[in-house]
Structure formats: structure tokens, C-alpha cells
Amino acid sequence: MPNRAYLFLGSSESLLKLNSDFDLREVGGAFVYVKEQSIRRYGLETLDI
């Protein structure tokens, strides 16, 4: 997956109860999950994927 990735889900889908590297953001009135370059879940802030 690229360093910065976007994940679009359907209206009844969500990652809210899951551990993931994606952050929920609002873009142009729609919600999208965005993954930045680091793996925060493991505390490796500077590791590029």
C-alpha cells in the first residue's frame, strides 16, 4: 500500500471498533479513512510502509 492511502467504505461499514492505521476524516462532505506513512499501532512513528 502506498505511504498515504485512502479507504472508502459504504454507509453501513466502519473501522471504529477495529485497531487500524487509518484515521477517519471528512473530505468534501464525505467521510474517508486516511493512512499516513507511519505505523502508530506499534509505536514506530517514523517507519514508512
Protein backbone atom coordinates (compact mmCIF):
# COMPACT_ATOMS: atom_id res chain seq x y z
CA MET A 1 0.00 0.00 0.00
CA PRO A 2 1.35 3.50 -0.75
CA ASN A 3 2.73 5.70 2.04
CA ARG A 4 -0.51 7.65 2.05
CA ALA A 5 -3.64 5.64 1.34
CA TYR A 6 -7.38 6.34 1.31
CA LEU A 7 -10.08 3.82 2.19
CA PHE A 8 -13.69 4.47 1.21
CA LEU A 9 -16.37 2.30 2.82
CA GLY A 10 -20.11 2.04 2.35
CA SER A 11 -22.51 3.88 4.65
CA SER A 12 -23.11 0.84 6.87
CA GLU A 13 -19.39 -0.05 7.21
CA SER A 14 -16.90 1.27 9.75
CA LEU A 15 -13.46 0.67 11.25
CA LEU A 16 -14.36 2.39 14.54
CA LYS A 17 -14.19 -0.78 16.68
CA LEU A 18 -11.06 -2.15 14.99
CA ASN A 19 -7.41 -1.34 15.53
CA SER A 20 -6.06 0.05 12.28
CA ASP A 21 -3.58 2.54 10.89
CA PHE A 22 -6.41 4.55 9.33
CA ASP A 23 -7.80 7.81 10.74
CA LEU A 24 -11.37 8.91 9.94
CA ARG A 25 -11.53 12.32 8.22
CA GLU A 26 -14.18 14.39 6.50
CA VAL A 27 -13.30 15.38 2.93
CA GLY A 28 -15.75 17.44 0.90
CA GLY A 29 -18.76 16.35 2.95
CA ALA A 30 -17.85 12.65 2.76
CA PHE A 31 -16.04 10.50 5.30
CA VAL A 32 -12.85 8.70 4.34
CA TYR A 33 -10.23 6.72 6.23
CA VAL A 34 -6.67 8.00 5.66
CA LYS A 35 -3.48 6.06 6.41
CA GLU A 36 -0.39 8.17 6.91
CA GLN A 37 3.14 6.82 6.45
CA SER A 38 3.83 5.59 9.98
CA ILE A 39 2.59 2.54 11.87
CA ARG A 40 1.33 4.18 15.06
CA ARG A 41 -0.19 0.98 16.43
CA TYR A 42 3.30 -0.41 17.10
CA GLY A 43 4.87 2.86 18.24
CA LEU A 44 7.07 3.10 15.16
CA GLU A 45 6.28 6.70 14.25
CA THR A 46 8.99 7.07 11.59
CA LEU A 47 8.70 3.71 9.84
CA ASP A 48 7.43 4.07 6.27
CA ILE A 49 5.25 1.29 4.95
